[in-house]
Amino acid sequence: MTPGPAADVIVPTLTAQPIPVAVLTASRRTSPVGVLRAYVALTKPRIVELLLVTTVPAMFLARTRLSPLGLTLVVLVGGALAAGAANALNCYIDRDIDQVMRRTAGRPLPAHTVSPRSALVFGLVLAATSLTLMATFTNLLATGLTAAAIAYYDLVYTMWLKRTTSQNTVWGGICGALPVLIGWAAVTGSLSLRAYLLFAVVFLWQPPHFYALAIKFKDDYRRAGIPMLPVVASLTRVGVETVGYSWLTVLASLALWPLGMTPVYGLTALVLGALLLREAHGLAGRARRGEPVRPMRLFHWSTTYLTLLFVAVAVDALLQ
């Protein structure tokens, strides 16, 4: 989306300021179970779960039936390890800003449950294990896309885009949408128009989803010096972009319908898309009128939207 008028932009002071010590309540002394939980937390399991929700239906659609169980398990495990690796490395890279954001101050590194070196080694081991698994049991394209997803998330998004541009959420969406292509490539060894449209759905869905979260925690991002769009632009501007990307998401989902999909998928995409647009327009309208925007409604519904849409993809594949 193109930037809005200059008058619609707010220029805040983006300086990282430490949060009160009282927020950092975690003890350096942690039980073995606590340490295990901390390592699991480094992988951000909820994000991993959402990524896998989009991967498996893409694999089903690529074959228009159930994929072989062994291959499905390999991609599930390999994909989970890859996403966990990227997230653990993200925690290592972002440890400086995580300690000044209230939302992230309880993460393992700011809480001193896991040392930075241990987190780095953990992330690299997960990445190596994932790529070895994918290379052994899938194919070169799927393995290359997996490596690209890890590298893009940590080197391009986390180290560069996130800290330098308000468009970080948009272009950071590439790595979040790559699991769709990875699953498709693992089954077919190639990519097709339907694969790219599924990629487009996830890519275009991410700005409305994460803009809502960034609105909720914009003070945190401002404190850490991260130029998320809700930090550097007015809520009206954020609302306009939210609506625009929501429409593009729905259009991409509907563009898949004529490409061999049944009415089960098409009607589901229509209904879910209408509900997503209602939430997006509602947030934009409230922002325009200066009313409380309730961003977490859109955040939670957008998660439900993506999950149900990809369930419809899987069901459609089984019906073909």
Protein backbone atom coordinates (compact mmCIF):
# COMPACT_ATOMS: atom_id res chain seq x y z
CA MET A 1 0.00 0.00 0.00
CA THR A 2 1.26 3.48 -0.76
CA PRO A 3 1.96 5.90 2.09
CA GLY A 4 -0.80 8.28 3.01
CA PRO A 5 -0.66 12.07 3.06
CA ALA A 6 2.11 13.64 5.08
CA ALA A 7 -0.47 15.17 7.39
CA ASP A 8 -1.61 11.68 8.33
CA VAL A 9 1.77 10.72 9.73
CA ILE A 10 2.90 11.11 13.31
CA VAL A 11 6.61 11.36 14.01
CA PRO A 12 7.24 10.01 17.49
CA THR A 13 10.49 9.81 19.36
CA LEU A 14 11.59 6.20 18.99
CA THR A 15 13.94 5.55 21.86
CA ALA A 16 14.29 2.34 23.81
CA GLN A 17 13.69 2.92 27.50
CA PRO A 18 14.00 0.19 30.14
CA ILE A 19 10.84 -0.96 31.85
CA PRO A 20 10.61 -1.00 35.65
CA VAL A 21 12.63 -3.74 37.28
CA ALA A 22 9.48 -5.04 38.95
CA VAL A 23 8.26 -6.30 35.60
CA LEU A 24 11.23 -8.64 35.31
CA THR A 25 10.10 -10.99 38.03
CA ALA A 26 11.52 -14.25 36.74
CA SER A 27 14.28 -15.74 38.84
CA ARG A 28 17.62 -16.90 37.53
CA ARG A 29 17.02 -20.04 39.56
CA THR A 30 14.69 -22.22 37.59
CA SER A 31 13.71 -25.87 37.96
CA PRO A 32 14.49 -28.35 35.16
CA VAL A 33 10.82 -28.29 34.16
CA GLY A 34 10.97 -24.50 34.08
CA VAL A 35 14.04 -24.59 31.86
CA LEU A 36 12.31 -27.03 29.51
CA ARG A 37 9.31 -24.76 29.32
CA ALA A 38 11.60 -21.83 28.61
CA TYR A 39 13.16 -23.61 25.63
CA VAL A 40 9.71 -24.47 24.33
CA ALA A 41 8.71 -20.83 24.79
CA LEU A 42 11.66 -19.77 22.62
CA THR A 43 10.01 -21.56 19.69
CA LYS A 44 6.74 -19.57 20.11
CA PRO A 45 4.46 -22.63 19.80
CA ARG A 46 1.30 -20.68 18.95
CA ILE A 47 2.94 -19.22 15.87
CA VAL A 48 4.27 -22.65 14.88
CA GLU A 49 0.77 -24.10 15.19
CA LEU A 50 -0.70 -21.46 12.89
CA LEU A 51 2.00 -22.06 10.28
CA LEU A 52 1.28 -25.79 10.25
CA VAL A 53 -2.45 -25.12 9.88
CA THR A 54 -1.69 -23.64 6.45
CA THR A 55 0.90 -26.22 5.41
CA VAL A 56 -1.05 -29.48 5.65
CA PRO A 57 -4.11 -28.33 3.64
CA ALA A 58 -1.75 -27.10 0.94
CA MET A 59 -0.24 -30.59 0.81
CA PHE A 60 -3.70 -32.15 0.50
CA LEU A 61 -4.68 -29.79 -2.31
CA ALA A 62 -1.43 -30.43 -4.17
CA ARG A 63 -2.46 -34.10 -4.46
CA THR A 64 -6.24 -33.48 -4.38
CA ARG A 65 -6.33 -36.22 -1.74
CA LEU A 66 -4.52 -37.24 1.43
CA SER A 67 -0.76 -37.03 1.14
CA PRO A 68 1.26 -40.08 2.22
CA LEU A 69 1.32 -40.25 6.01
CA GLY A 70 5.12 -40.50 6.18
CA LEU A 71 5.65 -37.42 4.01
CA THR A 72 3.02 -35.47 5.93
CA LEU A 73 4.71 -36.28 9.24
CA VAL A 74 8.13 -35.33 7.88
CA VAL A 75 6.86 -31.96 6.68
CA LEU A 76 4.99 -31.38 9.95
CA VAL A 77 8.04 -32.16 12.07
CA GLY A 78 10.48 -30.45 9.73
CA GLY A 79 8.25 -27.40 9.43
CA ALA A 80 7.72 -27.19 13.18
CA LEU A 81 11.46 -27.43 13.80
CA ALA A 82 12.18 -24.79 11.14
CA ALA A 83 9.60 -22.38 12.56
CA GLY A 84 10.86 -23.06 16.08
CA ALA A 85 14.42 -22.41 14.95
CA ALA A 86 13.49 -19.12 13.30
CA ASN A 87 11.60 -18.03 16.41
CA ALA A 88 14.41 -19.01 18.80
CA LEU A 89 16.92 -17.08 16.70
CA ASN A 90 14.47 -14.18 16.61
CA CYS A 91 14.44 -14.20 20.43
CA TYR A 92 18.25 -14.15 20.44
CA ILE A 93 18.44 -11.23 17.99
CA ASP A 94 15.62 -9.27 19.66
CA ARG A 95 16.82 -9.73 23.23
CA ASP A 96 17.71 -6.04 23.45
CA ILE A 97 14.20 -4.85 22.63
CA ASP A 98 12.34 -7.69 24.36
CA GLN A 99 13.66 -6.50 27.72
CA VAL A 100 12.11 -3.04 27.28
CA MET A 101 8.68 -4.20 26.11
CA ARG A 102 6.14 -5.19 28.75
CA ARG A 103 4.59 -7.77 26.43
CA THR A 104 7.90 -9.60 25.95
CA ALA A 105 9.71 -8.94 29.24
CA GLY A 106 8.75 -12.39 30.52
CA ARG A 107 10.34 -14.23 27.60
CA PRO A 108 13.22 -16.58 28.46
CA LEU A 109 16.10 -14.24 27.56
CA PRO A 110 14.85 -11.06 29.30
CA ALA A 111 13.84 -13.21 32.28
CA HIS A 112 17.33 -14.79 32.33
CA THR A 113 15.88 -18.32 32.23
CA VAL A 114 18.00 -19.11 29.15
CA SER A 115 21.32 -17.50 28.29
CA PRO A 116 21.76 -15.76 24.93
CA ARG A 117 24.43 -18.26 23.89
CA SER A 118 22.18 -21.20 24.75
CA ALA A 119 19.32 -19.70 22.78
CA LEU A 120 21.58 -19.16 19.77
CA VAL A 121 22.89 -22.73 19.86
CA PHE A 122 19.37 -24.08 20.36
CA GLY A 123 18.07 -22.18 17.34
CA LEU A 124 20.95 -23.28 15.12
CA VAL A 125 20.56 -26.92 16.14
CA LEU A 126 16.84 -26.83 15.40
CA ALA A 127 17.54 -25.26 12.00
CA ALA A 128 20.18 -27.85 11.11
CA THR A 129 17.91 -30.70 12.21
CA SER A 130 15.00 -29.33 10.21
CA LEU A 131 17.01 -28.88 7.02
CA THR A 132 18.60 -32.32 7.37
CA LEU A 133 15.17 -33.89 7.76
CA MET A 134 13.73 -32.03 4.79
CA ALA A 135 16.75 -32.76 2.59
CA THR A 136 16.65 -36.46 3.43
CA PHE A 137 12.95 -37.11 2.98
CA THR A 138 11.55 -34.43 0.66
CA ASN A 139 13.27 -32.66 -2.24
CA LEU A 140 15.63 -29.83 -3.07
CA LEU A 141 12.90 -27.24 -3.70
CA ALA A 142 11.13 -27.86 -0.39
CA THR A 143 14.45 -27.85 1.47
CA GLY A 144 15.59 -24.64 -0.21
CA LEU A 145 12.30 -22.91 0.62
CA THR A 146 12.63 -24.03 4.24
CA ALA A 147 16.14 -22.58 4.47
CA ALA A 148 14.94 -19.39 2.79
CA ALA A 149 12.10 -19.02 5.30
CA ILE A 150 14.46 -19.25 8.28
CA ALA A 151 17.01 -16.89 6.74
CA TYR A 152 14.41 -14.34 5.64
CA TYR A 153 12.70 -14.20 9.02
CA ASP A 154 15.87 -13.73 11.02
CA LEU A 155 18.25 -11.90 8.69
CA VAL A 156 15.87 -9.80 6.59
CA TYR A 157 12.84 -9.24 8.81
CA THR A 158 14.20 -9.36 12.37
CA MET A 159 17.58 -7.71 11.82
CA TRP A 160 16.56 -5.19 9.14
CA LEU A 161 12.91 -4.61 8.24
CA LYS A 162 11.49 -4.72 11.76
CA ARG A 163 13.85 -2.02 13.01
CA THR A 164 13.92 0.30 10.01
CA THR A 165 10.56 0.59 8.23
CA SER A 166 6.86 0.81 9.01
CA GLN A 167 6.31 -1.63 6.14
CA ASN A 168 8.01 -4.36 8.17
CA THR A 169 4.71 -6.17 8.70
CA VAL A 170 3.97 -6.25 4.98
CA TRP A 171 7.28 -7.55 3.69
CA GLY A 172 7.87 -9.67 6.75
CA GLY A 173 4.80 -11.60 5.63
CA ILE A 174 6.85 -13.41 3.00
CA CYS A 175 8.38 -15.82 5.49
CA GLY A 176 5.03 -16.36 7.18
CA ALA A 177 3.48 -17.43 3.88
CA LEU A 178 6.34 -19.66 2.72
CA PRO A 179 5.11 -22.78 4.61
CA VAL A 180 2.30 -23.03 2.05
CA LEU A 181 4.85 -23.29 -0.76
CA ILE A 182 7.03 -25.64 1.28
CA GLY A 183 4.14 -28.07 1.78
CA TRP A 184 3.17 -27.90 -1.88
CA ALA A 185 6.74 -28.38 -3.08
CA ALA A 186 7.27 -31.33 -0.73
CA VAL A 187 4.39 -33.17 -2.43
CA THR A 188 4.92 -32.20 -6.07
CA GLY A 189 8.53 -31.05 -6.36
CA SER A 190 7.24 -27.93 -8.12
CA LEU A 191 4.89 -24.97 -7.67
CA SER A 192 1.70 -23.99 -9.49
CA LEU A 193 -0.75 -21.11 -9.76
CA ARG A 194 -2.90 -22.58 -6.97
CA ALA A 195 0.15 -22.73 -4.71
CA TYR A 196 0.97 -19.10 -5.41
CA LEU A 197 -2.62 -18.04 -4.69
CA LEU A 198 -2.54 -19.83 -1.33
CA PHE A 199 0.75 -18.04 -0.65
CA ALA A 200 -0.92 -14.74 -1.59
CA VAL A 201 -3.80 -15.36 0.81
CA VAL A 202 -1.46 -15.83 3.78
CA PHE A 203 0.86 -13.01 2.70
CA LEU A 204 -1.97 -10.48 2.30
CA TRP A 205 -3.71 -11.66 5.47
CA GLN A 206 -0.77 -10.83 7.71
CA PRO A 207 -0.91 -6.98 7.67
CA PRO A 208 -4.50 -6.77 9.03
CA HIS A 209 -3.71 -9.50 11.56
CA PHE A 210 -0.52 -7.92 12.90
CA TYR A 211 -1.65 -4.30 12.56
CA ALA A 212 -4.37 -5.17 15.07
CA LEU A 213 -1.79 -6.56 17.49
CA ALA A 214 0.48 -3.56 16.93
CA ILE A 215 -2.38 -1.17 17.73
CA LYS A 216 -2.91 -2.96 21.03
CA PHE A 217 0.78 -2.83 21.95
CA LYS A 218 1.88 0.34 20.17
CA ASP A 219 3.22 1.86 23.39
CA ASP A 220 5.45 -1.18 23.80
CA TYR A 221 6.75 -0.86 20.26
CA ARG A 222 7.31 2.87 20.72
CA ARG A 223 9.25 2.21 23.93
CA ALA A 224 11.46 -0.28 22.09
CA GLY A 225 12.02 2.02 19.11
CA ILE A 226 10.27 -0.26 16.61
CA PRO A 227 8.53 1.72 13.82
CA MET A 228 5.40 -0.43 13.48
CA LEU A 229 2.79 1.35 11.39
CA PRO A 230 0.46 2.14 14.35
CA VAL A 231 3.45 3.80 16.07
CA VAL A 232 4.40 6.14 13.23
CA ALA A 233 1.01 6.74 11.56
CA SER A 234 -2.46 7.75 12.66
CA LEU A 235 -5.12 5.14 13.40
CA THR A 236 -7.01 6.41 10.35
CA ARG A 237 -4.08 5.51 8.11
CA VAL A 238 -3.75 2.10 9.79
CA GLY A 239 -7.47 1.52 9.28
CA VAL A 240 -7.22 2.31 5.57
CA GLU A 241 -4.38 -0.16 5.09
CA THR A 242 -6.18 -2.77 7.15
CA VAL A 243 -9.23 -2.54 4.91
CA GLY A 244 -7.13 -2.59 1.75
CA TYR A 245 -5.17 -5.70 2.67
CA SER A 246 -8.33 -7.41 3.93
CA TRP A 247 -10.00 -6.91 0.54
CA LEU A 248 -6.91 -8.20 -1.24
CA THR A 249 -6.90 -11.26 1.05
CA VAL A 250 -10.52 -12.07 0.22
CA LEU A 251 -10.00 -11.52 -3.51
CA ALA A 252 -6.98 -13.84 -3.50
CA SER A 253 -8.99 -16.51 -1.70
CA LEU A 254 -11.84 -16.22 -4.22
CA ALA A 255 -9.44 -16.31 -7.17
CA LEU A 256 -8.68 -19.89 -6.16
CA TRP A 257 -12.31 -20.97 -6.60
CA PRO A 258 -12.36 -21.25 -10.42
CA LEU A 259 -9.14 -23.28 -10.40
CA GLY A 260 -10.70 -26.66 -9.73
CA MET A 261 -12.18 -25.90 -6.29
CA THR A 262 -15.67 -27.09 -5.36
CA PRO A 263 -18.55 -24.87 -4.14
CA VAL A 264 -17.77 -26.05 -0.60
CA TYR A 265 -14.56 -24.03 -0.67
CA GLY A 266 -16.00 -21.14 -2.67
CA LEU A 267 -19.01 -20.54 -0.44
CA THR A 268 -16.87 -20.90 2.69
CA ALA A 269 -14.41 -18.33 1.33
CA LEU A 270 -17.29 -15.96 0.57
CA VAL A 271 -18.82 -16.17 4.04
CA LEU A 272 -15.50 -16.00 5.90
CA GLY A 273 -14.35 -13.15 3.69
CA ALA A 274 -17.50 -11.15 4.36
CA LEU A 275 -16.98 -11.54 8.11
CA LEU A 276 -13.31 -10.53 7.84
CA LEU A 277 -14.26 -7.43 5.84
CA ARG A 278 -16.93 -6.53 8.39
CA GLU A 279 -14.33 -6.53 11.18
CA ALA A 280 -11.76 -4.62 9.10
CA HIS A 281 -14.26 -1.95 8.05
CA GLY A 282 -15.53 -1.75 11.62
CA LEU A 283 -12.03 -1.02 12.94
CA ALA A 284 -11.38 1.55 10.20
CA GLY A 285 -14.73 3.25 10.79
CA ARG A 286 -14.18 3.53 14.53
CA ALA A 287 -10.69 4.92 13.93
CA ARG A 288 -12.04 7.49 11.49
CA ARG A 289 -14.70 8.61 13.98
CA GLY A 290 -12.21 8.76 16.85
CA GLU A 291 -13.90 5.95 18.76
CA PRO A 292 -12.14 3.08 20.62
CA VAL A 293 -11.05 0.63 17.93
CA ARG A 294 -11.03 -2.71 19.85
CA PRO A 295 -8.17 -4.16 17.73
CA MET A 296 -8.10 -7.57 19.40
CA ARG A 297 -11.50 -8.40 17.93
CA LEU A 298 -9.94 -8.21 14.48
CA PHE A 299 -6.80 -10.00 15.67
CA HIS A 300 -8.68 -13.00 17.04
CA TRP A 301 -11.18 -13.16 14.20
CA SER A 302 -8.43 -12.99 11.58
CA THR A 303 -6.83 -16.05 13.21
CA THR A 304 -10.16 -17.87 13.05
CA TYR A 305 -10.61 -16.76 9.44
CA LEU A 306 -7.31 -18.19 8.27
CA THR A 307 -7.79 -21.44 10.19
CA LEU A 308 -11.30 -22.08 8.85
CA LEU A 309 -10.34 -21.08 5.31
CA PHE A 310 -7.54 -23.64 5.22
CA VAL A 311 -9.78 -26.26 6.80
CA ALA A 312 -12.06 -25.62 3.81
CA VAL A 313 -9.07 -26.11 1.50
CA ALA A 314 -8.37 -29.49 3.11
CA VAL A 315 -12.01 -30.58 2.96
CA ASP A 316 -12.25 -29.47 -0.66
CA ALA A 317 -9.18 -31.53 -1.54
CA LEU A 318 -10.74 -34.61 0.06
CA LEU A 319 -13.95 -34.11 -1.92
CA GLN A 320 -12.17 -34.02 -5.28
